[in-house]
N, C-alpha and C. Protein backbone atom coordinates (compact mmCIF):
# COMPACT_ATOMS: atom_id res chain seq x y z
N MET A 1 73.61 101.99 103.29
CA MET A 1 73.87 102.68 104.53
C MET A 1 75.37 102.79 104.80
N ALA A 2 76.15 101.79 104.44
CA ALA A 2 77.57 101.79 104.74
C ALA A 2 78.27 102.99 104.11
N GLY A 3 77.79 103.47 102.98
CA GLY A 3 78.39 104.63 102.33
C GLY A 3 78.22 105.90 103.13
N HIS A 4 77.32 105.89 104.10
CA HIS A 4 77.06 107.06 104.92
C HIS A 4 77.89 107.06 106.19
N LEU A 5 78.65 106.02 106.42
CA LEU A 5 79.45 105.93 107.64
C LEU A 5 80.81 106.58 107.42
N ARG A 6 81.31 107.17 108.50
CA ARG A 6 82.65 107.74 108.47
C ARG A 6 83.52 106.92 109.40
N LYS A 7 84.64 106.46 108.90
CA LYS A 7 85.53 105.60 109.67
C LYS A 7 86.67 106.43 110.26
N ARG A 8 86.98 106.14 111.53
CA ARG A 8 88.12 106.77 112.21
C ARG A 8 88.92 105.69 112.92
N SER A 9 90.20 105.94 113.07
CA SER A 9 91.08 104.97 113.72
C SER A 9 91.60 105.53 115.04
N PHE A 10 91.75 104.64 116.01
CA PHE A 10 92.22 105.00 117.34
C PHE A 10 93.17 103.92 117.83
N SER A 11 93.97 104.26 118.80
CA SER A 11 94.82 103.29 119.47
C SER A 11 94.17 102.95 120.80
N LEU A 12 93.79 101.69 120.98
CA LEU A 12 93.13 101.22 122.19
C LEU A 12 93.88 100.03 122.73
N ALA A 13 94.24 100.10 123.98
CA ALA A 13 94.95 98.99 124.64
C ALA A 13 96.17 98.56 123.84
N GLY A 14 96.87 99.53 123.28
CA GLY A 14 98.10 99.23 122.59
C GLY A 14 97.97 98.75 121.15
N HIS A 15 96.77 98.74 120.61
CA HIS A 15 96.63 98.33 119.20
C HIS A 15 95.69 99.29 118.48
N ARG A 16 95.87 99.40 117.19
CA ARG A 16 95.05 100.28 116.36
C ARG A 16 93.74 99.59 116.04
N THR A 17 92.68 100.36 116.09
CA THR A 17 91.37 99.84 115.71
C THR A 17 90.62 100.94 114.97
N SER A 18 89.72 100.54 114.12
CA SER A 18 88.89 101.49 113.38
C SER A 18 87.44 101.29 113.76
N VAL A 19 86.71 102.37 113.73
CA VAL A 19 85.29 102.30 114.01
C VAL A 19 84.57 103.20 113.01
N ALA A 20 83.44 102.72 112.53
CA ALA A 20 82.65 103.47 111.55
C ALA A 20 81.32 103.85 112.18
N LEU A 21 81.02 105.14 112.11
CA LEU A 21 79.76 105.68 112.64
C LEU A 21 79.20 106.69 111.66
N GLU A 22 77.94 106.97 111.82
CA GLU A 22 77.30 108.03 111.05
C GLU A 22 77.93 109.37 111.46
N PRO A 23 78.04 110.31 110.52
CA PRO A 23 78.64 111.60 110.85
C PRO A 23 77.98 112.30 112.04
N GLU A 24 76.67 112.12 112.18
CA GLU A 24 75.96 112.76 113.29
C GLU A 24 76.45 112.24 114.64
N PHE A 25 76.79 110.95 114.71
CA PHE A 25 77.32 110.41 115.96
C PHE A 25 78.71 110.96 116.24
N TRP A 26 79.55 111.10 115.20
CA TRP A 26 80.87 111.69 115.42
C TRP A 26 80.73 113.12 115.93
N THR A 27 79.78 113.86 115.37
CA THR A 27 79.56 115.24 115.82
C THR A 27 79.14 115.27 117.29
N ALA A 28 78.24 114.38 117.67
CA ALA A 28 77.78 114.32 119.06
C ALA A 28 78.90 113.88 119.99
N LEU A 29 79.73 112.93 119.56
CA LEU A 29 80.86 112.49 120.38
C LEU A 29 81.89 113.61 120.54
N GLU A 30 82.14 114.34 119.48
CA GLU A 30 83.07 115.47 119.57
C GLU A 30 82.54 116.53 120.53
N ALA A 31 81.24 116.79 120.49
CA ALA A 31 80.64 117.77 121.41
C ALA A 31 80.74 117.29 122.86
N GLU A 32 80.52 116.01 123.09
CA GLU A 32 80.63 115.46 124.44
C GLU A 32 82.07 115.52 124.94
N ALA A 33 83.00 115.20 124.07
CA ALA A 33 84.41 115.28 124.45
C ALA A 33 84.78 116.73 124.80
N GLU A 34 84.31 117.66 124.01
CA GLU A 34 84.58 119.07 124.29
C GLU A 34 83.93 119.50 125.61
N ARG A 35 82.70 119.07 125.82
CA ARG A 35 82.00 119.41 127.06
C ARG A 35 82.77 118.91 128.27
N ARG A 36 83.37 117.73 128.13
CA ARG A 36 84.11 117.13 129.24
C ARG A 36 85.60 117.51 129.24
N ALA A 37 85.99 118.38 128.31
CA ALA A 37 87.38 118.84 128.17
C ALA A 37 88.34 117.66 128.00
N LEU A 38 87.94 116.74 127.12
CA LEU A 38 88.75 115.56 126.80
C LEU A 38 89.04 115.52 125.31
N PRO A 39 90.18 114.98 124.94
CA PRO A 39 90.36 114.68 123.52
C PRO A 39 89.38 113.57 123.11
N LEU A 40 88.96 113.59 121.87
CA LEU A 40 88.03 112.56 121.39
C LEU A 40 88.61 111.17 121.62
N ALA A 41 89.89 111.00 121.40
CA ALA A 41 90.52 109.68 121.60
C ALA A 41 90.34 109.20 123.03
N ARG A 42 90.41 110.10 123.99
CA ARG A 42 90.24 109.71 125.41
C ARG A 42 88.80 109.27 125.67
N LEU A 43 87.84 109.97 125.10
CA LEU A 43 86.44 109.58 125.26
C LEU A 43 86.20 108.20 124.66
N VAL A 44 86.80 107.94 123.52
CA VAL A 44 86.67 106.62 122.88
C VAL A 44 87.31 105.56 123.77
N GLN A 45 88.46 105.85 124.35
CA GLN A 45 89.11 104.90 125.26
C GLN A 45 88.22 104.60 126.47
N GLU A 46 87.59 105.63 127.01
CA GLU A 46 86.69 105.44 128.15
C GLU A 46 85.49 104.56 127.78
N ALA A 47 84.91 104.82 126.62
CA ALA A 47 83.78 104.01 126.16
C ALA A 47 84.21 102.56 125.96
N ASP A 48 85.40 102.37 125.43
CA ASP A 48 85.94 101.03 125.21
C ASP A 48 86.12 100.32 126.55
N ALA A 49 86.70 100.99 127.51
CA ALA A 49 86.97 100.39 128.82
C ALA A 49 85.70 100.12 129.61
N ALA A 50 84.65 100.89 129.35
CA ALA A 50 83.40 100.76 130.10
C ALA A 50 82.49 99.65 129.58
N ARG A 51 82.86 99.03 128.45
CA ARG A 51 82.01 97.97 127.91
C ARG A 51 81.95 96.80 128.89
N ALA A 52 80.77 96.53 129.42
CA ALA A 52 80.60 95.40 130.34
C ALA A 52 80.76 94.08 129.58
N ASP A 53 80.35 94.09 128.34
CA ASP A 53 80.43 92.90 127.49
C ASP A 53 81.42 93.19 126.37
N PRO A 54 82.62 92.60 126.41
CA PRO A 54 83.61 92.90 125.38
C PRO A 54 83.19 92.49 123.97
N SER A 55 82.15 91.68 123.85
CA SER A 55 81.69 91.33 122.51
C SER A 55 80.81 92.43 121.91
N LEU A 56 80.41 93.40 122.72
CA LEU A 56 79.65 94.55 122.22
C LEU A 56 80.56 95.34 121.29
N PRO A 57 80.14 95.60 120.08
CA PRO A 57 81.00 96.36 119.16
C PRO A 57 81.30 97.76 119.70
N LEU A 58 82.50 98.24 119.42
CA LEU A 58 82.89 99.57 119.86
C LEU A 58 81.93 100.62 119.30
N ALA A 59 81.49 100.46 118.07
CA ALA A 59 80.53 101.41 117.48
C ALA A 59 79.26 101.50 118.32
N SER A 60 78.79 100.36 118.81
CA SER A 60 77.59 100.36 119.66
C SER A 60 77.87 101.06 120.98
N ALA A 61 79.04 100.80 121.55
CA ALA A 61 79.41 101.45 122.81
C ALA A 61 79.48 102.97 122.63
N LEU A 62 79.96 103.42 121.50
CA LEU A 62 80.03 104.86 121.26
C LEU A 62 78.64 105.46 121.05
N ARG A 63 77.78 104.74 120.36
CA ARG A 63 76.40 105.23 120.21
C ARG A 63 75.72 105.33 121.57
N LEU A 64 75.97 104.34 122.44
CA LEU A 64 75.40 104.38 123.78
C LEU A 64 75.97 105.53 124.60
N THR A 65 77.23 105.85 124.39
CA THR A 65 77.85 107.00 125.05
C THR A 65 77.09 108.28 124.70
N VAL A 66 76.77 108.43 123.43
CA VAL A 66 75.99 109.59 122.98
C VAL A 66 74.61 109.58 123.63
N LEU A 67 73.95 108.44 123.63
CA LEU A 67 72.62 108.33 124.22
C LEU A 67 72.64 108.71 125.70
N HIS A 68 73.61 108.18 126.44
CA HIS A 68 73.70 108.48 127.87
C HIS A 68 73.98 109.98 128.10
N ALA A 69 74.82 110.57 127.28
CA ALA A 69 75.12 111.99 127.41
C ALA A 69 73.88 112.84 127.15
N LEU A 70 73.11 112.46 126.13
CA LEU A 70 71.89 113.20 125.84
C LEU A 70 70.86 113.07 126.96
N ARG A 71 70.74 111.88 127.50
CA ARG A 71 69.81 111.66 128.62
C ARG A 71 70.24 112.46 129.85
N ALA A 72 71.54 112.46 130.13
CA ALA A 72 72.05 113.20 131.29
C ALA A 72 71.80 114.70 131.12
N ALA A 73 71.98 115.21 129.91
CA ALA A 73 71.75 116.63 129.65
C ALA A 73 70.28 116.99 129.80
N ARG A 74 69.42 116.06 129.40
CA ARG A 74 67.98 116.28 129.49
C ARG A 74 67.51 116.30 130.95
N ASP A 75 68.08 115.40 131.75
CA ASP A 75 67.67 115.30 133.16
C ASP A 75 68.40 116.33 133.97
């Protein structure tokens, strides 16, 4: 499965970090960023800042961002 992940790097809270997600999640995150007229990096920063539990991996927070966006669009 790891071979199917695409890794991207971002600057969060003053330090560089990398996150690996399936290409489909990157596509959904890019669409959500575009829908909200935000750069992808800003959407990632928002997801990072919104983590109630800092031990939650950033990749999980980004997947949840996609899930919440899809649910909001459906409702």
